[in-house]
Every structure is written in C-alpha cells, then in structure tokens.
C-alpha cells in the first residue's frame, strides 16, 4: 500500500502526541529544599520521624523533600525539644530555631 502524504502526516501527528504525553507525564514537581539552622548546632534534626543529621550539617547541606506537609523535630540534651509542622512549597525554605535551655 503506498504511503500518502495524508497518512504520513496522520501517523507523524499521532507519534508526536504520544511522545510528548510520555515525556510530560513523568515530570516531577520542583522539590522543596529545607535548610535548618539551630542553636545549639549539635542538636539532632529529624523530619517526619526520620533522623537527617546534626544541625551543623542541616545548615550546610539542605535536605530535598517532596513539597507538602512535614514535621520537623529538633532535640538536644539540656534543652526543651522543639516541633514544627511545616507546609513546604517548591524551592528553598530556611528555618532558624534557638532551643530553650531546661532550667537547672
């Protein structure tokens, strides 16, 4: 069967639309990037109940997360723990916390 210009264009259009939908169907949203600075800088930082590192590390190396709700927990010996519920948008968010010492 001979290939006509019309059948070629129809096939090309179908192929192009399938290719584009396959490409764009896999687009992930821009991640949220969380930088956490804490005093004292040896405090333990957890996100969604998962330890991610000491505060000095989270200040130097921000954590990539999916955008949305996350729970940030910061703890250090001799200080009251601090919890924050965050709604993280795409892009960078900076959080700075100074823990309150436990009275002696």
N, C-alpha and C. Protein backbone atom coordinates (compact mmCIF):
# COMPACT_ATOMS: atom_id res chain seq x y z
N UNK A 1 0.86 -1.16 0.00
CA UNK A 1 0.00 0.00 0.00
C UNK A 1 0.90 1.22 0.00
N UNK A 2 0.67 2.16 -0.88
CA UNK A 2 1.52 3.34 -0.97
C UNK A 2 1.26 4.29 0.20
N UNK A 3 2.31 4.94 0.65
CA UNK A 3 2.21 5.92 1.74
C UNK A 3 1.85 7.27 1.12
N UNK A 4 0.72 7.78 1.52
CA UNK A 4 0.32 9.09 1.02
C UNK A 4 0.77 10.16 1.99
N UNK A 5 0.77 11.35 1.52
CA UNK A 5 1.16 12.48 2.37
C UNK A 5 0.23 12.58 3.58
N UNK A 6 -1.05 12.36 3.35
CA UNK A 6 -2.03 12.46 4.44
C UNK A 6 -1.80 11.37 5.49
N UNK A 7 -1.56 10.13 5.07
CA UNK A 7 -1.34 9.05 6.04
C UNK A 7 -0.02 9.27 6.80
N UNK A 8 0.99 9.81 6.12
CA UNK A 8 2.26 10.11 6.77
C UNK A 8 2.06 11.17 7.85
N UNK A 9 1.33 12.26 7.51
CA UNK A 9 1.10 13.33 8.49
C UNK A 9 0.26 12.85 9.65
N UNK A 10 -0.72 12.02 9.39
CA UNK A 10 -1.56 11.47 10.47
C UNK A 10 -0.71 10.61 11.39
N UNK A 11 0.11 9.76 10.83
CA UNK A 11 0.99 8.89 11.64
C UNK A 11 1.99 9.73 12.43
N UNK A 12 2.57 10.73 11.78
CA UNK A 12 3.53 11.61 12.46
C UNK A 12 2.87 12.35 13.62
N UNK A 13 1.68 12.88 13.42
CA UNK A 13 0.97 13.61 14.48
C UNK A 13 0.66 12.70 15.65
N UNK A 14 0.22 11.48 15.37
CA UNK A 14 -0.08 10.52 16.43
C UNK A 14 1.19 10.18 17.21
N UNK A 15 2.28 9.92 16.51
CA UNK A 15 3.56 9.60 17.16
C UNK A 15 4.04 10.78 18.02
N UNK A 16 3.94 11.99 17.49
CA UNK A 16 4.40 13.18 18.23
C UNK A 16 3.57 13.37 19.49
N UNK A 17 2.25 13.21 19.40
CA UNK A 17 1.42 13.42 20.59
C UNK A 17 1.69 12.35 21.64
N UNK A 18 1.90 11.11 21.22
CA UNK A 18 2.22 10.06 22.19
C UNK A 18 3.57 10.29 22.84
N UNK A 19 4.54 10.73 22.05
CA UNK A 19 5.88 11.01 22.59
C UNK A 19 5.83 12.14 23.61
N UNK A 20 5.12 13.21 23.28
CA UNK A 20 5.03 14.34 24.21
C UNK A 20 4.29 13.97 25.48
N UNK A 21 3.21 13.19 25.36
CA UNK A 21 2.49 12.82 26.58
C UNK A 21 3.34 11.91 27.45
N UNK A 22 4.16 11.05 26.83
CA UNK A 22 5.05 10.19 27.62
C UNK A 22 6.10 11.01 28.33
N UNK A 23 6.63 12.03 27.65
CA UNK A 23 7.65 12.87 28.27
C UNK A 23 7.06 13.71 29.40
N UNK A 24 5.96 14.36 29.15
CA UNK A 24 5.40 15.26 30.14
C UNK A 24 4.65 14.53 31.25
N UNK A 25 4.30 13.28 31.04
CA UNK A 25 3.63 12.52 32.08
C UNK A 25 4.57 12.19 33.23
N UNK A 26 5.88 12.27 33.01
CA UNK A 26 6.86 11.91 34.04
C UNK A 26 7.48 13.11 34.73
N UNK A 27 6.94 14.30 34.51
CA UNK A 27 7.51 15.50 35.13
C UNK A 27 7.21 15.48 36.62
N UNK A 28 8.24 15.64 37.41
CA UNK A 28 8.09 15.73 38.86
C UNK A 28 8.06 17.19 39.25
N UNK A 29 7.30 17.51 40.31
CA UNK A 29 7.31 18.91 40.75
C UNK A 29 8.69 19.28 41.28
N UNK A 30 9.00 20.56 41.23
CA UNK A 30 10.27 21.04 41.78
C UNK A 30 10.30 20.68 43.26
N UNK A 31 11.38 20.09 43.76
CA UNK A 31 11.41 19.67 45.15
C UNK A 31 11.44 20.86 46.11
N UNK A 32 11.02 20.59 47.33
CA UNK A 32 11.21 21.55 48.41
C UNK A 32 12.63 21.32 48.93
N UNK A 33 13.30 22.38 49.30
CA UNK A 33 14.67 22.29 49.84
C UNK A 33 14.64 22.97 51.19
N UNK A 34 14.91 22.20 52.24
CA UNK A 34 14.82 22.71 53.62
C UNK A 34 16.20 22.86 54.22
N UNK A 35 16.53 24.10 54.63
CA UNK A 35 17.77 24.38 55.36
C UNK A 35 17.37 24.69 56.80
N UNK A 36 17.96 23.96 57.75
CA UNK A 36 17.63 24.13 59.16
C UNK A 36 18.87 24.58 59.92
N UNK A 37 18.77 25.75 60.54
CA UNK A 37 19.85 26.27 61.38
C UNK A 37 19.35 26.27 62.82
N UNK A 38 20.15 25.72 63.72
CA UNK A 38 19.73 25.56 65.12
C UNK A 38 20.85 25.99 66.05
N UNK A 39 20.46 26.61 67.14
CA UNK A 39 21.35 26.86 68.27
C UNK A 39 20.81 26.03 69.41
N UNK A 40 21.61 25.06 69.89
CA UNK A 40 23.00 24.74 69.62
C UNK A 40 23.13 23.94 68.32
N UNK A 41 24.28 24.06 67.68
CA UNK A 41 24.46 23.44 66.37
C UNK A 41 24.72 21.94 66.40
N UNK A 42 24.79 21.34 67.62
CA UNK A 42 24.92 19.89 67.70
C UNK A 42 23.56 19.21 67.95
N UNK A 43 22.47 19.98 67.87
CA UNK A 43 21.13 19.42 68.07
C UNK A 43 20.83 18.39 66.98
N UNK A 44 20.00 17.41 67.33
CA UNK A 44 19.56 16.37 66.40
C UNK A 44 18.34 16.88 65.64
N UNK A 45 18.34 16.73 64.32
CA UNK A 45 17.23 17.20 63.49
C UNK A 45 16.59 15.99 62.82
N UNK A 46 15.26 15.89 62.95
CA UNK A 46 14.50 14.82 62.31
C UNK A 46 13.37 15.43 61.50
N UNK A 47 13.08 14.79 60.39
CA UNK A 47 11.94 15.19 59.56
C UNK A 47 11.05 13.97 59.39
N UNK A 48 9.78 14.16 59.72
CA UNK A 48 8.80 13.07 59.63
C UNK A 48 9.30 11.82 60.36
N UNK A 49 9.83 12.03 61.57
CA UNK A 49 10.31 10.96 62.45
C UNK A 49 11.54 10.22 61.91
N UNK A 50 12.26 10.82 60.96
CA UNK A 50 13.49 10.22 60.44
C UNK A 50 14.64 11.17 60.70
N UNK A 51 15.65 10.68 61.42
CA UNK A 51 16.83 11.48 61.73
C UNK A 51 17.56 11.83 60.43
N UNK A 52 17.83 13.14 60.22
CA UNK A 52 18.54 13.55 59.00
C UNK A 52 19.93 14.10 59.28
N UNK A 53 20.25 14.34 60.56
CA UNK A 53 21.60 14.80 60.87
C UNK A 53 21.63 15.82 61.99
N UNK A 54 22.83 16.21 62.35
CA UNK A 54 23.04 17.27 63.34
C UNK A 54 22.77 18.62 62.68
N UNK A 55 22.45 19.60 63.50
CA UNK A 55 22.07 20.92 62.98
C UNK A 55 23.18 21.56 62.15
N UNK A 56 24.43 21.37 62.51
CA UNK A 56 25.50 21.99 61.70
C UNK A 56 25.50 21.43 60.28
N UNK A 57 25.11 20.16 60.13
CA UNK A 57 25.05 19.55 58.80
C UNK A 57 23.83 20.04 58.03
N UNK A 58 22.67 20.15 58.71
CA UNK A 58 21.46 20.58 58.01
C UNK A 58 21.54 22.05 57.59
N UNK A 59 22.39 22.82 58.27
CA UNK A 59 22.59 24.21 57.86
C UNK A 59 23.49 24.28 56.63
N UNK A 60 24.48 23.38 56.56
CA UNK A 60 25.43 23.40 55.44
C UNK A 60 24.92 22.64 54.22
N UNK A 61 24.11 21.60 54.45
CA UNK A 61 23.61 20.76 53.35
C UNK A 61 22.09 20.64 53.45
N UNK A 62 21.36 21.53 52.80
CA UNK A 62 19.90 21.47 52.87
C UNK A 62 19.36 20.12 52.38
N UNK A 63 18.20 19.77 52.88
CA UNK A 63 17.57 18.48 52.57
C UNK A 63 16.48 18.68 51.52
N UNK A 64 16.51 17.86 50.45
CA UNK A 64 15.46 17.88 49.44
C UNK A 64 14.31 16.99 49.89
N UNK A 65 13.10 17.52 49.75
CA UNK A 65 11.89 16.80 50.16
C UNK A 65 10.80 17.04 49.13
N UNK A 66 9.79 16.17 49.10
CA UNK A 66 8.65 16.50 48.25
C UNK A 66 7.89 17.68 48.87
N UNK A 67 7.37 18.59 48.06
CA UNK A 67 6.58 19.68 48.62
C UNK A 67 5.39 19.12 49.40
N UNK A 68 4.96 19.86 50.42
CA UNK A 68 3.80 19.43 51.22
C UNK A 68 4.09 19.52 52.71
N UNK A 69 3.26 18.82 53.49
CA UNK A 69 3.35 18.87 54.95
C UNK A 69 4.47 17.97 55.46
N UNK A 70 5.24 18.51 56.39
CA UNK A 70 6.31 17.75 57.03
C UNK A 70 6.40 18.19 58.50
N UNK A 71 6.85 17.27 59.35
CA UNK A 71 7.04 17.57 60.77
C UNK A 71 8.54 17.59 61.06
N UNK A 72 8.98 18.72 61.59
CA UNK A 72 10.38 18.93 61.93
C UNK A 72 10.52 18.81 63.45
N UNK A 73 11.45 17.98 63.91
CA UNK A 73 11.70 17.80 65.33
C UNK A 73 13.17 18.08 65.61
N UNK A 74 13.42 18.91 66.62
CA UNK A 74 14.79 19.28 66.98
C UNK A 74 14.98 18.97 68.47
N UNK A 75 16.06 18.25 68.78
CA UNK A 75 16.33 17.86 70.17
C UNK A 75 17.81 17.99 70.49
N UNK A 76 18.09 18.37 71.73
CA UNK A 76 19.47 18.43 72.22
C UNK A 76 19.44 18.23 73.72
N UNK A 77 20.43 17.52 74.27
CA UNK A 77 20.49 17.34 75.72
C UNK A 77 20.58 18.69 76.43
N UNK A 78 19.79 18.84 77.49
CA UNK A 78 19.80 20.07 78.28
C UNK A 78 18.89 21.16 77.72
N UNK A 79 18.13 20.85 76.64
CA UNK A 79 17.22 21.82 76.02
C UNK A 79 15.84 21.20 75.84
N UNK A 80 14.82 22.04 75.85
CA UNK A 80 13.48 21.57 75.54
C UNK A 80 13.43 21.18 74.06
N UNK A 81 12.75 20.07 73.72
CA UNK A 81 12.62 19.72 72.30
C UNK A 81 11.70 20.72 71.61
N UNK A 82 11.84 20.83 70.30
CA UNK A 82 11.05 21.78 69.52
C UNK A 82 10.48 21.05 68.30
N UNK A 83 9.16 21.12 68.13
CA UNK A 83 8.49 20.52 66.98
C UNK A 83 7.85 21.61 66.15
N UNK A 84 7.93 21.46 64.83
CA UNK A 84 7.29 22.39 63.90
C UNK A 84 6.57 21.59 62.83
N UNK A 85 5.31 21.95 62.56
CA UNK A 85 4.60 21.41 61.41
C UNK A 85 4.78 22.42 60.29
N UNK A 86 5.36 21.96 59.19
CA UNK A 86 5.68 22.85 58.07
C UNK A 86 4.88 22.47 56.83
N UNK A 87 4.48 23.46 56.07
CA UNK A 87 3.91 23.27 54.74
C UNK A 87 4.96 23.81 53.78
N UNK A 88 5.74 22.90 53.19
CA UNK A 88 6.87 23.31 52.37
C UNK A 88 6.47 23.47 50.91
N UNK A 89 6.70 24.65 50.34
CA UNK A 89 6.46 24.84 48.91
C UNK A 89 7.68 24.36 48.12
N UNK A 90 7.56 24.32 46.83
CA UNK A 90 8.73 24.04 45.98
C UNK A 90 9.74 25.16 46.19
N UNK A 91 11.02 24.83 46.07
CA UNK A 91 12.06 25.83 46.27
C UNK A 91 12.61 25.77 47.68
N UNK A 92 13.44 26.74 48.02
CA UNK A 92 14.15 26.72 49.31
C UNK A 92 13.38 27.40 50.42
N UNK A 93 13.39 26.74 51.59
CA UNK A 93 12.83 27.29 52.81
C UNK A 93 13.91 27.22 53.88
N UNK A 94 14.11 28.32 54.59
CA UNK A 94 15.09 28.36 55.68
C UNK A 94 14.36 28.45 57.00
N UNK A 95 14.77 27.63 57.95
CA UNK A 95 14.19 27.64 59.29
C UNK A 95 15.33 27.85 60.27
N UNK A 96 15.14 28.78 61.20
CA UNK A 96 16.14 29.04 62.24
C UNK A 96 15.47 28.91 63.59
N UNK A 97 16.02 28.07 64.45
CA UNK A 97 15.45 27.80 65.77
C UNK A 97 16.54 27.92 66.82
N UNK A 98 16.22 28.61 67.90
CA UNK A 98 17.10 28.63 69.06
C UNK A 98 16.38 27.90 70.18
N UNK A 99 16.93 26.74 70.56
CA UNK A 99 16.31 25.93 71.60
C UNK A 99 16.42 26.61 72.96
N UNK A 100 15.38 26.39 73.77
CA UNK A 100 15.37 26.95 75.14
C UNK A 100 16.01 25.96 76.09
N UNK A 101 16.97 26.43 76.90
CA UNK A 101 17.61 25.50 77.87
C UNK A 101 16.62 25.13 78.97
N UNK A 102 16.78 23.90 79.45
CA UNK A 102 15.99 23.43 80.60
C UNK A 102 16.60 24.06 81.85
N UNK A 103 15.78 24.70 82.71
CA UNK A 103 16.34 25.29 83.93
C UNK A 103 16.96 24.23 84.83
N UNK A 104 18.01 24.60 85.51
CA UNK A 104 18.70 23.66 86.42
C UNK A 104 18.28 23.87 87.83
